[in-house]
């Protein structure tokens, strides 16, 4: 397995299927700068090399991805609060743009927690396979933020505006069965077989009409209601504004202290 970034992002290619692995299990694959940069590098290489006919995104450990590394984020808030949210434009937006630029089918294998930007990564894939123990949440409003990683567009498209709004505002976690019922995931399988099933699906796609798949993906993307660029920019503006709020700083500190946050509305 090729690895890149201090946090490691694995990348292999076999029989036309590229497997991209988030490999920071001790941190539940939380996205620090090293992992975000590594992920962008791998996705850019996949696009440039054009060897893969399908892509699988998976993760090591118990959880797929719990989103932003909050410990690193706290340090950014302390060091330079005005620029702590720059990571949205500098890291998340390029990663999501690179994912959207992949012309081949992308399958994601989801185990355990799939939260925040991790959910954004999952929804950027074309097909989602979840383990029976997978669970999903937006998590942003729980720390006084809004949305990034294109979730404000991709989540309503996947499950409908009403359910997406409730997931954002209430912050509830849904299980794999509910996720399948709502259309968030394509299939739920045993936890131990999620990667094998996702890889099997990707292999099937890799052996299929990839030119047709490319056109289908382009049509679905181009015919969506809002351009990705506009979605990402609106999200970045909201996160920049909220990243400097009292609510956000207090909520992150409460999270790290394992305490319940108290929100004041600014």
Protein backbone atom coordinates (compact mmCIF):
# COMPACT_ATOMS: atom_id res chain seq x y z
CA UNK A 1 0.00 0.00 0.00
CA UNK A 2 1.36 3.40 -0.94
CA UNK A 3 1.02 5.98 1.82
CA UNK A 4 1.15 9.75 1.86
CA UNK A 5 0.90 12.37 4.57
CA UNK A 6 2.00 12.09 8.19
CA UNK A 7 -1.41 10.72 9.16
CA UNK A 8 -1.26 8.27 6.23
CA UNK A 9 -3.72 7.85 3.42
CA UNK A 10 -3.30 4.50 1.70
CA UNK A 11 -3.64 4.00 -2.04
CA UNK A 12 -3.53 0.74 -4.00
CA UNK A 13 -4.52 -0.21 -7.55
CA UNK A 14 -5.57 -3.73 -8.52
CA UNK A 15 -7.45 -4.91 -11.61
CA UNK A 16 -8.61 -1.41 -12.43
CA UNK A 17 -9.90 -0.67 -8.92
CA UNK A 18 -8.11 2.00 -6.89
CA UNK A 19 -8.59 1.69 -3.14
CA UNK A 20 -8.11 4.83 -1.06
CA UNK A 21 -7.86 4.13 2.66
CA UNK A 22 -8.14 6.63 5.49
CA UNK A 23 -5.58 5.22 7.89
CA UNK A 24 -5.62 7.06 11.19
CA UNK A 25 -7.58 4.56 13.29
CA UNK A 26 -6.41 5.72 16.72
CA UNK A 27 -8.12 9.08 16.03
CA UNK A 28 -11.19 7.50 14.38
CA UNK A 29 -9.81 8.87 11.11
CA UNK A 30 -10.37 12.45 12.19
CA UNK A 31 -9.21 14.81 9.48
CA UNK A 32 -6.12 16.77 10.46
CA UNK A 33 -4.14 18.84 7.97
CA UNK A 34 -1.80 15.98 7.12
CA UNK A 35 -4.67 13.65 6.28
CA UNK A 36 -6.52 16.30 4.27
CA UNK A 37 -3.39 17.07 2.28
CA UNK A 38 -2.70 13.37 1.79
CA UNK A 39 -6.24 12.73 0.60
CA UNK A 40 -6.05 15.60 -1.87
CA UNK A 41 -2.72 14.31 -3.18
CA UNK A 42 -4.08 10.80 -3.74
CA UNK A 43 -7.25 12.04 -5.44
CA UNK A 44 -5.22 14.36 -7.68
CA UNK A 45 -2.92 11.50 -8.64
CA UNK A 46 -5.89 9.28 -9.49
CA UNK A 47 -7.28 11.96 -11.76
CA UNK A 48 -3.92 12.62 -13.43
CA UNK A 49 -2.84 9.00 -13.90
CA UNK A 50 -6.18 7.87 -15.31
CA UNK A 51 -5.40 4.20 -14.60
CA UNK A 52 -8.35 3.40 -12.34
CA UNK A 53 -11.69 2.36 -13.77
CA UNK A 54 -13.40 2.56 -10.37
CA UNK A 55 -12.47 3.80 -6.91
CA UNK A 56 -13.19 2.46 -3.42
CA UNK A 57 -12.85 4.74 -0.39
CA UNK A 58 -12.58 2.97 2.94
CA UNK A 59 -11.00 3.37 6.37
CA UNK A 60 -9.10 1.34 8.92
CA UNK A 61 -10.27 0.85 12.50
CA UNK A 62 -13.71 0.99 14.03
CA UNK A 63 -14.89 4.24 12.42
CA UNK A 64 -14.98 5.55 8.88
CA UNK A 65 -14.37 9.23 9.70
CA UNK A 66 -15.53 11.48 12.52
CA UNK A 67 -14.84 14.68 10.56
CA UNK A 68 -12.50 17.49 11.52
CA UNK A 69 -9.81 16.77 14.12
CA UNK A 70 -11.11 19.02 16.90
CA UNK A 71 -7.88 18.94 18.91
CA UNK A 72 -6.04 20.43 15.94
CA UNK A 73 -8.91 22.86 15.40
CA UNK A 74 -8.71 24.09 19.00
CA UNK A 75 -5.04 24.89 18.48
CA UNK A 76 -5.93 26.85 15.33
CA UNK A 77 -8.59 28.78 17.25
CA UNK A 78 -6.10 29.64 19.98
CA UNK A 79 -3.33 30.59 17.59
CA UNK A 80 -5.31 32.70 15.15
CA UNK A 81 -9.11 32.72 15.58
CA UNK A 82 -9.67 34.90 12.50
CA UNK A 83 -8.10 32.25 10.26
CA UNK A 84 -9.07 29.04 12.04
CA UNK A 85 -11.76 28.32 9.47
CA UNK A 86 -9.44 28.87 6.51
CA UNK A 87 -9.19 25.09 6.34
CA UNK A 88 -12.61 25.01 4.67
CA UNK A 89 -11.33 26.83 1.58
CA UNK A 90 -7.74 25.56 1.78
CA UNK A 91 -8.43 21.87 2.43
CA UNK A 92 -12.06 20.73 2.38
CA UNK A 93 -13.12 22.55 -0.75
CA UNK A 94 -10.17 21.25 -2.83
CA UNK A 95 -10.75 17.69 -1.57
CA UNK A 96 -14.45 17.82 -2.46
CA UNK A 97 -13.68 19.38 -5.83
CA UNK A 98 -11.15 16.63 -6.55
CA UNK A 99 -13.69 13.96 -5.60
CA UNK A 100 -16.28 15.54 -7.87
CA UNK A 101 -13.75 15.62 -10.70
CA UNK A 102 -13.25 11.84 -10.67
CA UNK A 103 -14.92 10.59 -13.83
CA UNK A 104 -14.96 6.93 -12.79
CA UNK A 105 -17.50 5.42 -10.36
CA UNK A 106 -16.66 5.88 -6.68
CA UNK A 107 -17.86 3.41 -4.04
CA UNK A 108 -17.45 4.07 -0.33
CA UNK A 109 -17.29 1.40 2.39
CA UNK A 110 -18.61 2.85 5.64
CA UNK A 111 -17.88 1.34 9.02
CA UNK A 112 -18.78 2.81 12.40
CA UNK A 113 -19.11 6.57 12.73
CA UNK A 114 -19.54 8.65 9.58
CA UNK A 115 -19.85 12.20 10.83
CA UNK A 116 -19.45 15.80 9.69
CA UNK A 117 -16.91 16.09 6.89
CA UNK A 118 -16.71 12.29 6.93
CA UNK A 119 -20.35 12.23 5.91
CA UNK A 120 -19.52 14.79 3.24
CA UNK A 121 -16.85 12.45 1.85
CA UNK A 122 -19.28 9.54 1.85
CA UNK A 123 -21.97 11.52 0.04
CA UNK A 124 -19.47 12.57 -2.62
CA UNK A 125 -19.26 8.91 -3.67
CA UNK A 126 -21.64 7.42 -6.20
CA UNK A 127 -22.55 4.30 -4.22
CA UNK A 128 -22.41 3.81 -0.45
CA UNK A 129 -22.09 0.42 1.24
CA UNK A 130 -22.52 0.51 5.02
CA UNK A 131 -21.77 -1.97 7.74
CA UNK A 132 -24.68 -2.82 10.02
CA UNK A 133 -22.99 -0.94 12.85
CA UNK A 134 -22.52 2.27 10.85
CA UNK A 135 -24.03 5.47 12.17
CA UNK A 136 -24.41 8.87 10.58
CA UNK A 137 -24.65 12.46 11.83
CA UNK A 138 -23.94 15.98 10.60
CA UNK A 139 -22.47 17.15 13.95
CA UNK A 140 -21.86 20.73 12.82
CA UNK A 141 -24.53 22.54 14.81
CA UNK A 142 -23.48 20.61 17.90
CA UNK A 143 -20.30 22.72 17.93
CA UNK A 144 -21.94 25.91 16.73
CA UNK A 145 -21.16 25.58 13.02
CA UNK A 146 -23.30 25.21 9.89
CA UNK A 147 -22.02 22.92 7.10
CA UNK A 148 -19.13 22.30 4.77
CA UNK A 149 -17.88 19.55 2.45
CA UNK A 150 -20.95 20.22 0.26
CA UNK A 151 -23.27 18.62 2.83
CA UNK A 152 -25.84 21.41 2.59
CA UNK A 153 -26.43 20.28 -1.01
CA UNK A 154 -25.60 16.57 -0.99
CA UNK A 155 -27.58 15.57 2.11
CA UNK A 156 -30.93 17.04 0.96
CA UNK A 157 -30.41 15.42 -2.46
CA UNK A 158 -29.83 12.07 -0.78
CA UNK A 159 -32.60 12.01 1.84
CA UNK A 160 -34.87 14.96 1.12
CA UNK A 161 -35.02 18.48 2.51
CA UNK A 162 -37.14 17.70 5.58
CA UNK A 163 -34.95 14.88 6.88
CA UNK A 164 -31.75 16.74 6.05
CA UNK A 165 -32.95 19.83 7.89
CA UNK A 166 -33.81 17.75 10.94
CA UNK A 167 -30.39 16.05 10.88
CA UNK A 168 -28.68 19.44 10.83
CA UNK A 169 -30.87 21.24 13.37
CA UNK A 170 -31.47 18.41 15.85
CA UNK A 171 -28.05 16.82 15.46
CA UNK A 172 -29.51 13.34 15.77
CA UNK A 173 -27.56 10.24 14.81
CA UNK A 174 -29.19 7.70 12.50
CA UNK A 175 -28.29 4.04 12.28
CA UNK A 176 -27.49 2.00 9.18
CA UNK A 177 -31.02 0.65 8.80
CA UNK A 178 -32.53 4.13 8.87
CA UNK A 179 -29.85 5.37 6.49
CA UNK A 180 -30.81 2.68 3.99
CA UNK A 181 -34.53 3.34 4.44
CA UNK A 182 -33.96 7.04 3.77
CA UNK A 183 -31.76 6.43 0.74
CA UNK A 184 -28.54 7.64 2.31
CA UNK A 185 -26.82 4.31 1.59
CA UNK A 186 -27.34 1.77 -1.16
CA UNK A 187 -26.79 -1.41 0.85
CA UNK A 188 -26.24 -2.54 4.45
CA UNK A 189 -24.08 -5.61 5.06
CA UNK A 190 -22.32 -7.29 7.97
CA UNK A 191 -19.58 -5.11 9.43
CA UNK A 192 -16.94 -7.70 8.62
CA UNK A 193 -17.84 -7.79 4.93
CA UNK A 194 -18.38 -4.11 4.13
CA UNK A 195 -15.00 -3.63 2.42
CA UNK A 196 -15.31 -6.87 0.46
CA UNK A 197 -18.79 -5.97 -0.77
CA UNK A 198 -17.75 -2.44 -1.72
CA UNK A 199 -14.73 -3.80 -3.57
CA UNK A 200 -16.92 -6.33 -5.38
CA UNK A 201 -19.27 -3.54 -6.48
CA UNK A 202 -16.31 -1.46 -7.65
CA UNK A 203 -14.91 -4.43 -9.58
CA UNK A 204 -18.24 -4.86 -11.31
CA UNK A 205 -18.21 -1.19 -12.26
CA UNK A 206 -14.57 -1.36 -13.38
CA UNK A 207 -15.58 -4.07 -15.82
CA UNK A 208 -18.61 -2.15 -17.05
CA UNK A 209 -19.22 0.59 -19.64
CA UNK A 210 -17.00 3.22 -18.09
CA UNK A 211 -17.59 5.75 -20.86
CA UNK A 212 -21.32 5.53 -20.19
CA UNK A 213 -20.69 5.81 -16.45
CA UNK A 214 -18.65 8.94 -17.08
CA UNK A 215 -21.50 10.50 -19.03
CA UNK A 216 -24.07 9.52 -16.40
CA UNK A 217 -21.98 11.09 -13.67
CA UNK A 218 -21.56 14.28 -15.70
CA UNK A 219 -25.29 14.52 -16.38
CA UNK A 220 -26.22 13.98 -12.75
CA UNK A 221 -23.67 16.54 -11.63
CA UNK A 222 -24.41 19.21 -14.23
CA UNK A 223 -28.16 18.92 -13.85
CA UNK A 224 -28.16 19.41 -10.10
CA UNK A 225 -29.86 22.57 -8.86
CA UNK A 226 -26.77 24.44 -7.72
CA UNK A 227 -23.17 24.41 -8.96
CA UNK A 228 -20.71 22.82 -6.54
CA UNK A 229 -18.59 25.99 -6.60
CA UNK A 230 -21.48 28.07 -5.33
CA UNK A 231 -22.42 25.51 -2.68
CA UNK A 232 -18.85 25.32 -1.39
CA UNK A 233 -18.40 29.09 -1.31
CA UNK A 234 -21.65 29.67 0.59
CA UNK A 235 -20.64 27.00 3.09
CA UNK A 236 -17.16 28.50 3.47
CA UNK A 237 -18.65 31.92 4.22
CA UNK A 238 -20.95 30.47 6.86
CA UNK A 239 -18.18 28.45 8.51
CA UNK A 240 -15.84 31.46 8.51
CA UNK A 241 -18.45 33.54 10.27
CA UNK A 242 -19.45 30.89 12.78
CA UNK A 243 -15.88 29.79 13.41
CA UNK A 244 -15.31 33.05 15.28
CA UNK A 245 -18.43 32.74 17.40
CA UNK A 246 -18.57 32.33 21.15
CA UNK A 247 -20.81 29.31 20.72
CA UNK A 248 -18.28 27.47 18.58
CA UNK A 249 -15.29 28.08 20.83
CA UNK A 250 -17.26 27.12 23.93
CA UNK A 251 -18.71 24.02 22.31
CA UNK A 252 -15.33 22.73 21.14
CA UNK A 253 -13.88 23.28 24.60
CA UNK A 254 -16.86 21.46 26.14
CA UNK A 255 -16.44 18.57 23.72
CA UNK A 256 -12.79 18.10 24.67
CA UNK A 257 -13.71 18.35 28.37
CA UNK A 258 -16.51 15.79 27.84
CA UNK A 259 -19.01 18.36 29.08
CA UNK A 260 -22.35 19.52 27.71
CA UNK A 261 -22.04 22.75 25.72
CA UNK A 262 -24.09 25.80 26.57
CA UNK A 263 -25.01 27.95 23.57
CA UNK A 264 -25.60 31.69 23.81
CA UNK A 265 -26.53 32.38 20.21
CA UNK A 266 -23.52 34.40 19.08
